[in-house]
Amino acid sequence: MASFQEFILGKNIVLDEEEFTKASEDFKELAGKIDSLYKDITDMLTDIKTGFDSPAGKKFVNSCENALLEPLERQKTVVTHIADNLTSARNSYRSVFEEYREAAKSMSPE
């Protein structure tokens, strides 16, 4: 585990490389679940369309698509963006973690 701690103005700031990785993976997994839910809803709406082949039925299906699918698309965009930012942050701090590991290694008794 590589973590970096700094005490600044009485605040303990901790950066943990493994937590960046885990959080990014968790958000990627959530994006996959959103994809699966999106597919399930799309499949159900396709089934409903066959039984609702009328102007009112089409309006109903369209309202379902607007109320269910569009918010899922937006949510997936946000979740994917968070996962990407966490990966980027971990990569940005990679040198800090490596230097911290080297410093800790050099200070530890052999």
PDB file of N, CA and C in Angstrom:
ATOM      1  N   MET A   1       0.845  -1.174   0.000  1.00  0.00           N
ATOM      2  CA  MET A   1       0.000   0.000   0.000  1.00  0.00           C
ATOM      3  C   MET A   1       0.884   1.230   0.000  1.00  0.00           C
ATOM      4  N   ALA A   2       0.590   2.132  -0.894  1.00  0.00           N
ATOM      5  CA  ALA A   2       1.313   3.389  -0.931  1.00  0.00           C
ATOM      6  C   ALA A   2       0.358   4.494  -0.555  1.00  0.00           C
ATOM      7  N   SER A   3       0.662   5.147   0.534  1.00  0.00           N
ATOM      8  CA  SER A   3      -0.147   6.307   0.907  1.00  0.00           C
ATOM      9  C   SER A   3       0.802   7.405   1.325  1.00  0.00           C
ATOM     10  N   PHE A   4       0.352   8.584   1.176  1.00  0.00           N
ATOM     11  CA  PHE A   4       1.155   9.759   1.475  1.00  0.00           C
ATOM     12  C   PHE A   4       0.357  10.598   2.457  1.00  0.00           C
ATOM     13  N   GLN A   5       0.941  10.918   3.591  1.00  0.00           N
ATOM     14  CA  GLN A   5       0.256  11.724   4.591  1.00  0.00           C
ATOM     15  C   GLN A   5       1.032  13.012   4.808  1.00  0.00           C
ATOM     16  N   GLU A   6       0.301  14.081   4.991  1.00  0.00           N
ATOM     17  CA  GLU A   6       0.911  15.380   5.258  1.00  0.00           C
ATOM     18  C   GLU A   6       0.056  16.077   6.300  1.00  0.00           C
ATOM     19  N   PHE A   7       0.711  16.691   7.258  1.00  0.00           N
ATOM     20  CA  PHE A   7      -0.002  17.454   8.270  1.00  0.00           C
ATOM     21  C   PHE A   7       0.154  18.928   7.940  1.00  0.00           C
ATOM     22  N   ILE A   8      -0.950  19.566   7.603  1.00  0.00           N
ATOM     23  CA  ILE A   8      -0.935  20.977   7.221  1.00  0.00           C
ATOM     24  C   ILE A   8      -1.977  21.698   8.053  1.00  0.00           C
ATOM     25  N   LEU A   9      -1.556  22.714   8.784  1.00  0.00           N
ATOM     26  CA  LEU A   9      -2.462  23.528   9.592  1.00  0.00           C
ATOM     27  C   LEU A   9      -3.398  22.676  10.443  1.00  0.00           C
ATOM     28  N   GLY A  10      -2.851  21.632  11.036  1.00  0.00           N
ATOM     29  CA  GLY A  10      -3.645  20.790  11.919  1.00  0.00           C
ATOM     30  C   GLY A  10      -4.565  19.817  11.209  1.00  0.00           C
ATOM     31  N   LYS A  11      -4.475  19.731   9.887  1.00  0.00           N
ATOM     32  CA  LYS A  11      -5.313  18.815   9.115  1.00  0.00           C
ATOM     33  C   LYS A  11      -4.452  17.664   8.616  1.00  0.00           C
ATOM     34  N   ASN A  12      -4.975  16.472   8.712  1.00  0.00           N
ATOM     35  CA  ASN A  12      -4.283  15.288   8.226  1.00  0.00           C
ATOM     36  C   ASN A  12      -4.808  14.977   6.828  1.00  0.00           C
ATOM     37  N   ILE A  13      -3.977  15.113   5.824  1.00  0.00           N
ATOM     38  CA  ILE A  13      -4.360  14.844   4.440  1.00  0.00           C
ATOM     39  C   ILE A  13      -3.722  13.518   4.038  1.00  0.00           C
ATOM     40  N   VAL A  14      -4.557  12.585   3.582  1.00  0.00           N
ATOM     41  CA  VAL A  14      -4.063  11.266   3.207  1.00  0.00           C
ATOM     42  C   VAL A  14      -4.425  10.989   1.748  1.00  0.00           C
ATOM     43  N   LEU A  15      -3.424  10.619   0.970  1.00  0.00           N
ATOM     44  CA  LEU A  15      -3.632  10.173  -0.403  1.00  0.00           C
ATOM     45  C   LEU A  15      -3.244   8.708  -0.452  1.00  0.00           C
ATOM     46  N   ASP A  16      -4.163   7.867  -0.879  1.00  0.00           N
ATOM     47  CA  ASP A  16      -3.919   6.431  -0.895  1.00  0.00           C
ATOM     48  C   ASP A  16      -4.098   5.918  -2.322  1.00  0.00           C
ATOM     49  N   GLU A  17      -3.010   5.447  -2.894  1.00  0.00           N
ATOM     50  CA  GLU A  17      -3.009   4.978  -4.273  1.00  0.00           C
ATOM     51  C   GLU A  17      -4.019   3.855  -4.482  1.00  0.00           C
ATOM     52  N   GLU A  18      -4.084   2.925  -3.544  1.00  0.00           N
ATOM     53  CA  GLU A  18      -5.010   1.800  -3.685  1.00  0.00           C
ATOM     54  C   GLU A  18      -6.463   2.272  -3.657  1.00  0.00           C
ATOM     55  N   GLU A  19      -6.749   3.287  -2.862  1.00  0.00           N
ATOM     56  CA  GLU A  19      -8.119   3.796  -2.791  1.00  0.00           C
ATOM     57  C   GLU A  19      -8.512   4.504  -4.092  1.00  0.00           C
ATOM     58  N   PHE A  20      -7.559   5.211  -4.713  1.00  0.00           N
ATOM     59  CA  PHE A  20      -7.837   5.805  -6.024  1.00  0.00           C
ATOM     60  C   PHE A  20      -8.202   4.696  -7.021  1.00  0.00           C
ATOM     61  N   THR A  21      -7.417   3.627  -7.015  1.00  0.00           N
ATOM     62  CA  THR A  21      -7.646   2.515  -7.934  1.00  0.00           C
ATOM     63  C   THR A  21      -8.983   1.845  -7.660  1.00  0.00           C
ATOM     64  N   LYS A  22      -9.264   1.560  -6.389  1.00  0.00           N
ATOM     65  CA  LYS A  22     -10.513   0.894  -6.024  1.00  0.00           C
ATOM     66  C   LYS A  22     -11.723   1.755  -6.377  1.00  0.00           C
ATOM     67  N   ALA A  23     -11.651   3.040  -6.072  1.00  0.00           N
ATOM     68  CA  ALA A  23     -12.777   3.930  -6.376  1.00  0.00           C
ATOM     69  C   ALA A  23     -13.024   3.997  -7.879  1.00  0.00           C
ATOM     70  N   SER A  24     -11.962   4.091  -8.661  1.00  0.00           N
ATOM     71  CA  SER A  24     -12.102   4.128 -10.113  1.00  0.00           C
ATOM     72  C   SER A  24     -12.741   2.844 -10.626  1.00  0.00           C
ATOM     73  N   GLU A  25     -12.291   1.704 -10.118  1.00  0.00           N
ATOM     74  CA  GLU A  25     -12.861   0.419 -10.533  1.00  0.00           C
ATOM     75  C   GLU A  25     -14.324   0.302 -10.117  1.00  0.00           C
ATOM     76  N   ASP A  26     -14.653   0.796  -8.915  1.00  0.00           N
ATOM     77  CA  ASP A  26     -16.048   0.765  -8.446  1.00  0.00           C
ATOM     78  C   ASP A  26     -16.952   1.590  -9.357  1.00  0.00           C
ATOM     79  N   PHE A  27     -16.479   2.761  -9.768  1.00  0.00           N
ATOM     80  CA  PHE A  27     -17.290   3.596 -10.657  1.00  0.00           C
ATOM     81  C   PHE A  27     -17.404   2.981 -12.050  1.00  0.00           C
ATOM     82  N   LYS A  28     -16.359   2.320 -12.517  1.00  0.00           N
ATOM     83  CA  LYS A  28     -16.442   1.619 -13.807  1.00  0.00           C
ATOM     84  C   LYS A  28     -17.449   0.474 -13.725  1.00  0.00           C
ATOM     85  N   GLU A  29     -17.454  -0.230 -12.594  1.00  0.00           N
ATOM     86  CA  GLU A  29     -18.425  -1.307 -12.390  1.00  0.00           C
ATOM     87  C   GLU A  29     -19.850  -0.740 -12.373  1.00  0.00           C
ATOM     88  N   LEU A  30     -20.021   0.401 -11.725  1.00  0.00           N
ATOM     89  CA  LEU A  30     -21.338   1.048 -11.696  1.00  0.00           C
ATOM     90  C   LEU A  30     -21.777   1.436 -13.106  1.00  0.00           C
ATOM     91  N   ALA A  31     -20.856   1.934 -13.926  1.00  0.00           N
ATOM     92  CA  ALA A  31     -21.187   2.268 -15.316  1.00  0.00           C
ATOM     93  C   ALA A  31     -21.650   1.024 -16.066  1.00  0.00           C
ATOM     94  N   GLY A  32     -21.031  -0.120 -15.795  1.00  0.00           N
ATOM     95  CA  GLY A  32     -21.458  -1.376 -16.418  1.00  0.00           C
ATOM     96  C   GLY A  32     -22.856  -1.777 -15.979  1.00  0.00           C
ATOM     97  N   LYS A  33     -23.160  -1.570 -14.708  1.00  0.00           N
ATOM     98  CA  LYS A  33     -24.504  -1.876 -14.208  1.00  0.00           C
ATOM     99  C   LYS A  33     -25.547  -0.959 -14.845  1.00  0.00           C
ATOM    100  N   ILE A  34     -25.178   0.293 -15.048  1.00  0.00           N
ATOM    101  CA  ILE A  34     -26.088   1.224 -15.713  1.00  0.00           C
ATOM    102  C   ILE A  34     -26.339   0.761 -17.142  1.00  0.00           C
ATOM    103  N   ASP A  35     -25.286   0.321 -17.835  1.00  0.00           N
ATOM    104  CA  ASP A  35     -25.446  -0.223 -19.195  1.00  0.00           C
ATOM    105  C   ASP A  35     -26.406  -1.412 -19.200  1.00  0.00           C
ATOM    106  N   SER A  36     -26.240  -2.295 -18.238  1.00  0.00           N
ATOM    107  CA  SER A  36     -27.100  -3.475 -18.155  1.00  0.00           C
ATOM    108  C   SER A  36     -28.559  -3.082 -17.907  1.00  0.00           C
ATOM    109  N   LEU A  37     -28.772  -2.139 -17.004  1.00  0.00           N
ATOM    110  CA  LEU A  37     -30.124  -1.659 -16.725  1.00  0.00           C
ATOM    111  C   LEU A  37     -30.718  -0.995 -17.963  1.00  0.00           C
ATOM    112  N   TYR A  38     -29.918  -0.214 -18.662  1.00  0.00           N
ATOM    113  CA  TYR A  38     -30.356   0.450 -19.891  1.00  0.00           C
ATOM    114  C   TYR A  38     -30.821  -0.593 -20.913  1.00  0.00           C
ATOM    115  N   LYS A  39     -30.024  -1.653 -21.073  1.00  0.00           N
ATOM    116  CA  LYS A  39     -30.382  -2.718 -22.026  1.00  0.00           C
ATOM    117  C   LYS A  39     -31.671  -3.417 -21.601  1.00  0.00           C
ATOM    118  N   ASP A  40     -31.799  -3.709 -20.308  1.00  0.00           N
ATOM    119  CA  ASP A  40     -33.016  -4.362 -19.815  1.00  0.00           C
ATOM    120  C   ASP A  40     -34.257  -3.511 -20.094  1.00  0.00           C
ATOM    121  N   ILE A  41     -34.151  -2.225 -19.833  1.00  0.00           N
ATOM    122  CA  ILE A  41     -35.292  -1.328 -20.065  1.00  0.00           C
ATOM    123  C   ILE A  41     -35.595  -1.234 -21.551  1.00  0.00           C
ATOM    124  N   THR A  42     -34.562  -1.142 -22.375  1.00  0.00           N
ATOM    125  CA  THR A  42     -34.754  -1.085 -23.827  1.00  0.00           C
ATOM    126  C   THR A  42     -35.457  -2.345 -24.323  1.00  0.00           C
ATOM    127  N   ASP A  43     -35.030  -3.503 -23.822  1.00  0.00           N
ATOM    128  CA  ASP A  43     -35.668  -4.767 -24.212  1.00  0.00           C
ATOM    129  C   ASP A  43     -37.136  -4.796 -23.797  1.00  0.00           C
ATOM    130  N   MET A  44     -37.423  -4.337 -22.575  1.00  0.00           N
ATOM    131  CA  MET A  44     -38.818  -4.314 -22.111  1.00  0.00           C
ATOM    132  C   MET A  44     -39.666  -3.362 -22.953  1.00  0.00           C
ATOM    133  N   LEU A  45     -39.103  -2.211 -23.278  1.00  0.00           N
ATOM    134  CA  LEU A  45     -39.852  -1.257 -24.098  1.00  0.00           C
ATOM    135  C   LEU A  45     -40.094  -1.809 -25.498  1.00  0.00           C
ATOM    136  N   THR A  46     -39.160  -2.567 -26.027  1.00  0.00           N
ATOM    137  CA  THR A  46     -39.355  -3.205 -27.334  1.00  0.00           C
ATOM    138  C   THR A  46     -40.517  -4.189 -27.266  1.00  0.00           C
ATOM    139  N   ASP A  47     -40.576  -4.962 -26.192  1.00  0.00           N
ATOM    140  CA  ASP A  47     -41.691  -5.897 -26.002  1.00  0.00           C
ATOM    141  C   ASP A  47     -43.017  -5.155 -25.860  1.00  0.00           C
ATOM    142  N   ILE A  48     -43.002  -4.053 -25.130  1.00  0.00           N
ATOM    143  CA  ILE A  48     -44.232  -3.273 -24.928  1.00  0.00           C
ATOM    144  C   ILE A  48     -44.716  -2.670 -26.245  1.00  0.00           C
ATOM    145  N   LYS A  49     -43.787  -2.236 -27.080  1.00  0.00           N
ATOM    146  CA  LYS A  49     -44.152  -1.603 -28.351  1.00  0.00           C
ATOM    147  C   LYS A  49     -45.036  -2.517 -29.207  1.00  0.00           C
ATOM    148  N   THR A  50     -44.759  -3.812 -29.168  1.00  0.00           N
ATOM    149  CA  THR A  50     -45.546  -4.729 -30.009  1.00  0.00           C
ATOM    150  C   THR A  50     -47.005  -4.786 -29.563  1.00  0.00           C
ATOM    151  N   GLY A  51     -47.246  -4.625 -28.277  1.00  0.00           N
ATOM    152  CA  GLY A  51     -48.620  -4.670 -27.773  1.00  0.00           C
ATOM    153  C   GLY A  51     -49.294  -3.314 -27.740  1.00  0.00           C
ATOM    154  N   PHE A  52     -48.525  -2.267 -27.916  1.00  0.00           N
ATOM    155  CA  PHE A  52     -49.062  -0.910 -27.855  1.00  0.00           C
ATOM    156  C   PHE A  52     -48.922  -0.218 -29.206  1.00  0.00           C
ATOM    157  N   ASP A  53     -49.282  -0.902 -30.281  1.00  0.00           N
ATOM    158  CA  ASP A  53     -49.125  -0.366 -31.635  1.00  0.00           C
ATOM    159  C   ASP A  53     -50.308   0.527 -31.989  1.00  0.00           C
ATOM    160  N   SER A  54     -50.318   1.698 -31.380  1.00  0.00           N
ATOM    161  CA  SER A  54     -51.347   2.702 -31.642  1.00  0.00           C
ATOM    162  C   SER A  54     -50.725   4.060 -31.354  1.00  0.00           C
ATOM    163  N   PRO A  55     -51.358   5.151 -31.784  1.00  0.00           N
ATOM    164  CA  PRO A  55     -50.799   6.469 -31.480  1.00  0.00           C
ATOM    165  C   PRO A  55     -50.624   6.700 -29.974  1.00  0.00           C
ATOM    166  N   ALA A  56     -51.613   6.290 -29.177  1.00  0.00           N
ATOM    167  CA  ALA A  56     -51.498   6.461 -27.723  1.00  0.00           C
ATOM    168  C   ALA A  56     -50.388   5.572 -27.167  1.00  0.00           C
ATOM    169  N   GLY A  57     -50.281   4.358 -27.688  1.00  0.00           N
ATOM    170  CA  GLY A  57     -49.235   3.445 -27.250  1.00  0.00           C
ATOM    171  C   GLY A  57     -47.852   3.978 -27.569  1.00  0.00           C
ATOM    172  N   LYS A  58     -47.718   4.553 -28.775  1.00  0.00           N
ATOM    173  CA  LYS A  58     -46.422   5.128 -29.162  1.00  0.00           C
ATOM    174  C   LYS A  58     -46.060   6.302 -28.259  1.00  0.00           C
ATOM    175  N   LYS A  59     -47.053   7.100 -27.917  1.00  0.00           N
ATOM    176  CA  LYS A  59     -46.807   8.234 -27.024  1.00  0.00           C
ATOM    177  C   LYS A  59     -46.379   7.728 -25.644  1.00  0.00           C
ATOM    178  N   PHE A  60     -47.032   6.666 -25.168  1.00  0.00           N
ATOM    179  CA  PHE A  60     -46.674   6.074 -23.881  1.00  0.00           C
ATOM    180  C   PHE A  60     -45.235   5.563 -23.895  1.00  0.00           C
ATOM    181  N   VAL A  61     -44.879   4.824 -24.928  1.00  0.00           N
ATOM    182  CA  VAL A  61     -43.524   4.271 -25.027  1.00  0.00           C
ATOM    183  C   VAL A  61     -42.502   5.398 -25.115  1.00  0.00           C
ATOM    184  N   ASN A  62     -42.811   6.443 -25.896  1.00  0.00           N
ATOM    185  CA  ASN A  62     -41.891   7.585 -25.990  1.00  0.00           C
ATOM    186  C   ASN A  62     -41.705   8.256 -24.634  1.00  0.00           C
ATOM    187  N   SER A  63     -42.788   8.387 -23.871  1.00  0.00           N
ATOM    188  CA  SER A  63     -42.657   9.018 -22.554  1.00  0.00           C
ATOM    189  C   SER A  63     -41.820   8.142 -21.619  1.00  0.00           C
ATOM    190  N   CYS A  64     -41.960   6.825 -21.740  1.00  0.00           N
ATOM    191  CA  CYS A  64     -41.130   5.915 -20.945  1.00  0.00           C
ATOM    192  C   CYS A  64     -39.659   6.057 -21.316  1.00  0.00           C
ATOM    193  N   GLU A  65     -39.392   6.135 -22.614  1.00  0.00           N
ATOM    194  CA  GLU A  65     -38.001   6.301 -23.058  1.00  0.00           C
ATOM    195  C   GLU A  65     -37.423   7.598 -22.512  1.00  0.00           C
ATOM    196  N   ASN A  66     -38.202   8.682 -22.576  1.00  0.00           N
ATOM    197  CA  ASN A  66     -37.723   9.972 -22.076  1.00  0.00           C
ATOM    198  C   ASN A  66     -37.515   9.951 -20.566  1.00  0.00           C
ATOM    199  N   ALA A  67     -38.422   9.301 -19.856  1.00  0.00           N
ATOM    200  CA  ALA A  67     -38.359   9.305 -18.392  1.00  0.00           C
ATOM    201  C   ALA A  67     -37.344   8.314 -17.838  1.00  0.00           C
ATOM    202  N   LEU A  68     -37.050   7.259 -18.578  1.00  0.00           N
ATOM    203  CA  LEU A  68     -36.165   6.219 -18.068  1.00  0.00           C
ATOM    204  C   LEU A  68     -34.792   6.183 -18.729  1.00  0.00           C
ATOM    205  N   LEU A  69     -34.765   6.228 -20.039  1.00  0.00           N
ATOM    206  CA  LEU A  69     -33.493   6.022 -20.747  1.00  0.00           C
ATOM    207  C   LEU A  69     -32.598   7.261 -20.746  1.00  0.00           C
ATOM    208  N   GLU A  70     -33.173   8.422 -20.985  1.00  0.00           N
ATOM    209  CA  GLU A  70     -32.346   9.635 -21.037  1.00  0.00           C
ATOM    210  C   GLU A  70     -31.634   9.911 -19.714  1.00  0.00           C
ATOM    211  N   PRO A  71     -32.322   9.798 -18.559  1.00  0.00           N
ATOM    212  CA  PRO A  71     -31.593   9.998 -17.298  1.00  0.00           C
ATOM    213  C   PRO A  71     -30.482   8.968 -17.076  1.00  0.00           C
ATOM    214  N   LEU A  72     -30.702   7.731 -17.512  1.00  0.00           N
ATOM    215  CA  LEU A  72     -29.649   6.724 -17.390  1.00  0.00           C
ATOM    216  C   LEU A  72     -28.440   7.074 -18.238  1.00  0.00           C
ATOM    217  N   GLU A  73     -28.677   7.589 -19.424  1.00  0.00           N
ATOM    218  CA  GLU A  73     -27.557   8.004 -20.287  1.00  0.00           C
ATOM    219  C   GLU A  73     -26.752   9.124 -19.616  1.00  0.00           C
ATOM    220  N   ARG A  74     -27.462  10.089 -19.041  1.00  0.00           N
ATOM    221  CA  ARG A  74     -26.770  11.202 -18.368  1.00  0.00           C
ATOM    222  C   ARG A  74     -26.020  10.704 -17.134  1.00  0.00           C
ATOM    223  N   GLN A  75     -26.650   9.800 -16.383  1.00  0.00           N
ATOM    224  CA  GLN A  75     -26.005   9.267 -15.189  1.00  0.00           C
ATOM    225  C   GLN A  75     -24.740   8.498 -15.563  1.00  0.00           C
ATOM    226  N   LYS A  76     -24.800   7.707 -16.629  1.00  0.00           N
ATOM    227  CA  LYS A  76     -23.620   6.953 -17.045  1.00  0.00           C
ATOM    228  C   LYS A  76     -22.496   7.897 -17.459  1.00  0.00           C
ATOM    229  N   THR A  77     -22.843   8.989 -18.123  1.00  0.00           N
ATOM    230  CA  THR A  77     -21.829   9.965 -18.521  1.00  0.00           C
ATOM    231  C   THR A  77     -21.104  10.512 -17.289  1.00  0.00           C
ATOM    232  N   VAL A  78     -21.855  10.849 -16.260  1.00  0.00           N
ATOM    233  CA  VAL A  78     -21.264  11.388 -15.032  1.00  0.00           C
ATOM    234  C   VAL A  78     -20.406  10.334 -14.338  1.00  0.00           C
ATOM    235  N   VAL A  79     -20.919   9.121 -14.201  1.00  0.00           N
ATOM    236  CA  VAL A  79     -20.194   8.051 -13.512  1.00  0.00           C
ATOM    237  C   VAL A  79     -18.903   7.717 -14.256  1.00  0.00           C
ATOM    238  N   THR A  80     -18.961   7.655 -15.570  1.00  0.00           N
ATOM    239  CA  THR A  80     -17.768   7.382 -16.367  1.00  0.00           C
ATOM    240  C   THR A  80     -16.752   8.515 -16.220  1.00  0.00           C
ATOM    241  N   HIS A  81     -17.237   9.748 -16.184  1.00  0.00           N
ATOM    242  CA  HIS A  81     -16.357  10.908 -16.012  1.00  0.00           C
ATOM    243  C   HIS A  81     -15.648  10.838 -14.653  1.00  0.00           C
ATOM    244  N   ILE A  82     -16.368  10.460 -13.609  1.00  0.00           N
ATOM    245  CA  ILE A  82     -15.765  10.328 -12.277  1.00  0.00           C
ATOM    246  C   ILE A  82     -14.691   9.239 -12.300  1.00  0.00           C
ATOM    247  N   ALA A  83     -14.999   8.087 -12.894  1.00  0.00           N
ATOM    248  CA  ALA A  83     -14.023   6.994 -12.972  1.00  0.00           C
ATOM    249  C   ALA A  83     -12.764   7.447 -13.703  1.00  0.00           C
ATOM    250  N   ASP A  84     -12.938   8.140 -14.810  1.00  0.00           N
ATOM    251  CA  ASP A  84     -11.794   8.622 -15.583  1.00  0.00           C
ATOM    252  C   ASP A  84     -10.970   9.636 -14.785  1.00  0.00           C
ATOM    253  N   ASN A  85     -11.648  10.523 -14.052  1.00  0.00           N
ATOM    254  CA  ASN A  85     -10.929  11.523 -13.247  1.00  0.00           C
ATOM    255  C   ASN A  85     -10.161  10.881 -12.100  1.00  0.00           C
ATOM    256  N   LEU A  86     -10.736   9.848 -11.488  1.00  0.00           N
ATOM    257  CA  LEU A  86     -10.018   9.152 -10.421  1.00  0.00           C
ATOM    258  C   LEU A  86      -8.769   8.454 -10.965  1.00  0.00           C
ATOM    259  N   THR A  87      -8.886   7.863 -12.147  1.00  0.00           N
ATOM    260  CA  THR A  87      -7.728   7.234 -12.778  1.00  0.00           C
ATOM    261  C   THR A  87      -6.670   8.279 -13.100  1.00  0.00           C
ATOM    262  N   SER A  88      -7.112   9.408 -13.623  1.00  0.00           N
ATOM    263  CA  SER A  88      -6.195  10.497 -13.946  1.00  0.00           C
ATOM    264  C   SER A  88      -5.499  11.032 -12.692  1.00  0.00           C
ATOM    265  N   ALA A  89      -6.250  11.177 -11.608  1.00  0.00           N
ATOM    266  CA  ALA A  89      -5.667  11.662 -10.356  1.00  0.00           C
ATOM    267  C   ALA A  89      -4.624  10.679  -9.837  1.00  0.00           C
ATOM    268  N   ARG A  90      -4.965   9.383  -9.871  1.00  0.00           N
ATOM    269  CA  ARG A  90      -4.002   8.377  -9.423  1.00  0.00           C
ATOM    270  C   ARG A  90      -2.729   8.462 -10.259  1.00  0.00           C
ATOM    271  N   ASN A  91      -2.885   8.599 -11.561  1.00  0.00           N
ATOM    272  CA  ASN A  91      -1.713   8.698 -12.434  1.00  0.00           C
ATOM    273  C   ASN A  91      -0.920   9.973 -12.171  1.00  0.00           C
ATOM    274  N   SER A  92      -1.610  11.059 -11.868  1.00  0.00           N
ATOM    275  CA  SER A  92      -0.927  12.321 -11.570  1.00  0.00           C
ATOM    276  C   SER A  92      -0.100  12.218 -10.294  1.00  0.00           C
ATOM    277  N   TYR A  93      -0.587  11.471  -9.327  1.00  0.00           N
ATOM    278  CA  TYR A  93       0.119  11.318  -8.051  1.00  0.00           C
ATOM    279  C   TYR A  93       1.079  10.130  -8.044  1.00  0.00           C
ATOM    280  N   ARG A  94       1.159   9.417  -9.144  1.00  0.00           N
ATOM    281  CA  ARG A  94       2.009   8.223  -9.196  1.00  0.00           C
ATOM    282  C   ARG A  94       3.443   8.530  -8.765  1.00  0.00           C
ATOM    283  N   SER A  95       3.992   9.619  -9.247  1.00  0.00           N
ATOM    284  CA  SER A  95       5.376   9.944  -8.871  1.00  0.00           C
ATOM    285  C   SER A  95       5.481  10.255  -7.382  1.00  0.00           C
ATOM    286  N   VAL A  96       4.466  10.875  -6.810  1.00  0.00           N
ATOM    287  CA  VAL A  96       4.469  11.159  -5.371  1.00  0.00           C
ATOM    288  C   VAL A  96       4.472   9.846  -4.595  1.00  0.00           C
ATOM    289  N   PHE A  97       3.624   8.908  -5.007  1.00  0.00           N
ATOM    290  CA  PHE A  97       3.571   7.616  -4.334  1.00  0.00           C
ATOM    291  C   PHE A  97       4.902   6.875  -4.459  1.00  0.00           C
ATOM    292  N   GLU A  98       5.493   6.910  -5.645  1.00  0.00           N
ATOM    293  CA  GLU A  98       6.771   6.221  -5.842  1.00  0.00           C
ATOM    294  C   GLU A  98       7.872   6.846  -4.982  1.00  0.00           C
ATOM    295  N   GLU A  99       7.908   8.168  -4.945  1.00  0.00           N
ATOM    296  CA  GLU A  99       8.915   8.850  -4.127  1.00  0.00           C
ATOM    297  C   GLU A  99       8.681   8.578  -2.641  1.00  0.00           C
ATOM    298  N   TYR A 100       7.429   8.521  -2.233  1.00  0.00           N
ATOM    299  CA  TYR A 100       7.107   8.219  -0.836  1.00  0.00           C
ATOM    300  C   TYR A 100       7.575   6.805  -0.476  1.00  0.00           C
ATOM    301  N   ARG A 101       7.308   5.844  -1.374  1.00  0.00           N
ATOM    302  CA  ARG A 101       7.758   4.470  -1.121  1.00  0.00           C
ATOM    303  C   ARG A 101       9.282   4.412  -0.990  1.00  0.00           C
ATOM    304  N   GLU A 102       9.973   5.114  -1.880  1.00  0.00           N
ATOM    305  CA  GLU A 102      11.448   5.121  -1.836  1.00  0.00           C
ATOM    306  C   GLU A 102      11.946   5.760  -0.545  1.00  0.00           C
ATOM    307  N   ALA A 103      11.314   6.878  -0.149  1.00  0.00           N
ATOM    308  CA  ALA A 103      11.742   7.558   1.093  1.00  0.00           C
ATOM    309  C   ALA A 103      11.472   6.667   2.302  1.00  0.00           C
ATOM    310  N   ALA A 104      10.314   6.039   2.333  1.00  0.00           N
ATOM    311  CA  ALA A 104       9.977   5.149   3.456  1.00  0.00           C
ATOM    312  C   ALA A 104      10.935   3.964   3.496  1.00  0.00           C
ATOM    313  N   LYS A 105      11.264   3.438   2.323  1.00  0.00           N
ATOM    314  CA  LYS A 105      12.182   2.301   2.238  1.00  0.00           C
ATOM    315  C   LYS A 105      13.569   2.689   2.734  1.00  0.00           C
ATOM    316  N   SER A 106      14.030   3.873   2.356  1.00  0.00           N
ATOM    317  CA  SER A 106      15.376   4.305   2.755  1.00  0.00           C
ATOM    318  C   SER A 106      15.459   4.637   4.252  1.00  0.00           C
ATOM    319  N   MET A 107      14.336   4.987   4.871  1.00  0.00           N
ATOM    320  CA  MET A 107      14.328   5.333   6.286  1.00  0.00           C
ATOM    321  C   MET A 107      14.071   4.124   7.189  1.00  0.00           C
ATOM    322  N   SER A 108      13.604   3.033   6.611  1.00  0.00           N
ATOM    323  CA  SER A 108      13.294   1.868   7.446  1.00  0.00           C
ATOM    324  C   SER A 108      14.580   1.111   7.773  1.00  0.00           C
ATOM    325  N   PRO A 109      14.647   0.602   8.998  1.00  0.00           N
ATOM    326  CA  PRO A 109      15.838  -0.175   9.365  1.00  0.00           C
ATOM    327  C   PRO A 109      15.845  -1.511   8.629  1.00  0.00           C
ATOM    328  N   GLU A 110      16.977  -1.948   8.269  1.00  0.00           N
ATOM    329  CA  GLU A 110      17.078  -3.201   7.515  1.00  0.00           C
ATOM    330  C   GLU A 110      17.253  -4.377   8.391  1.00  0.00           C
TER     331      GLU A 110
END
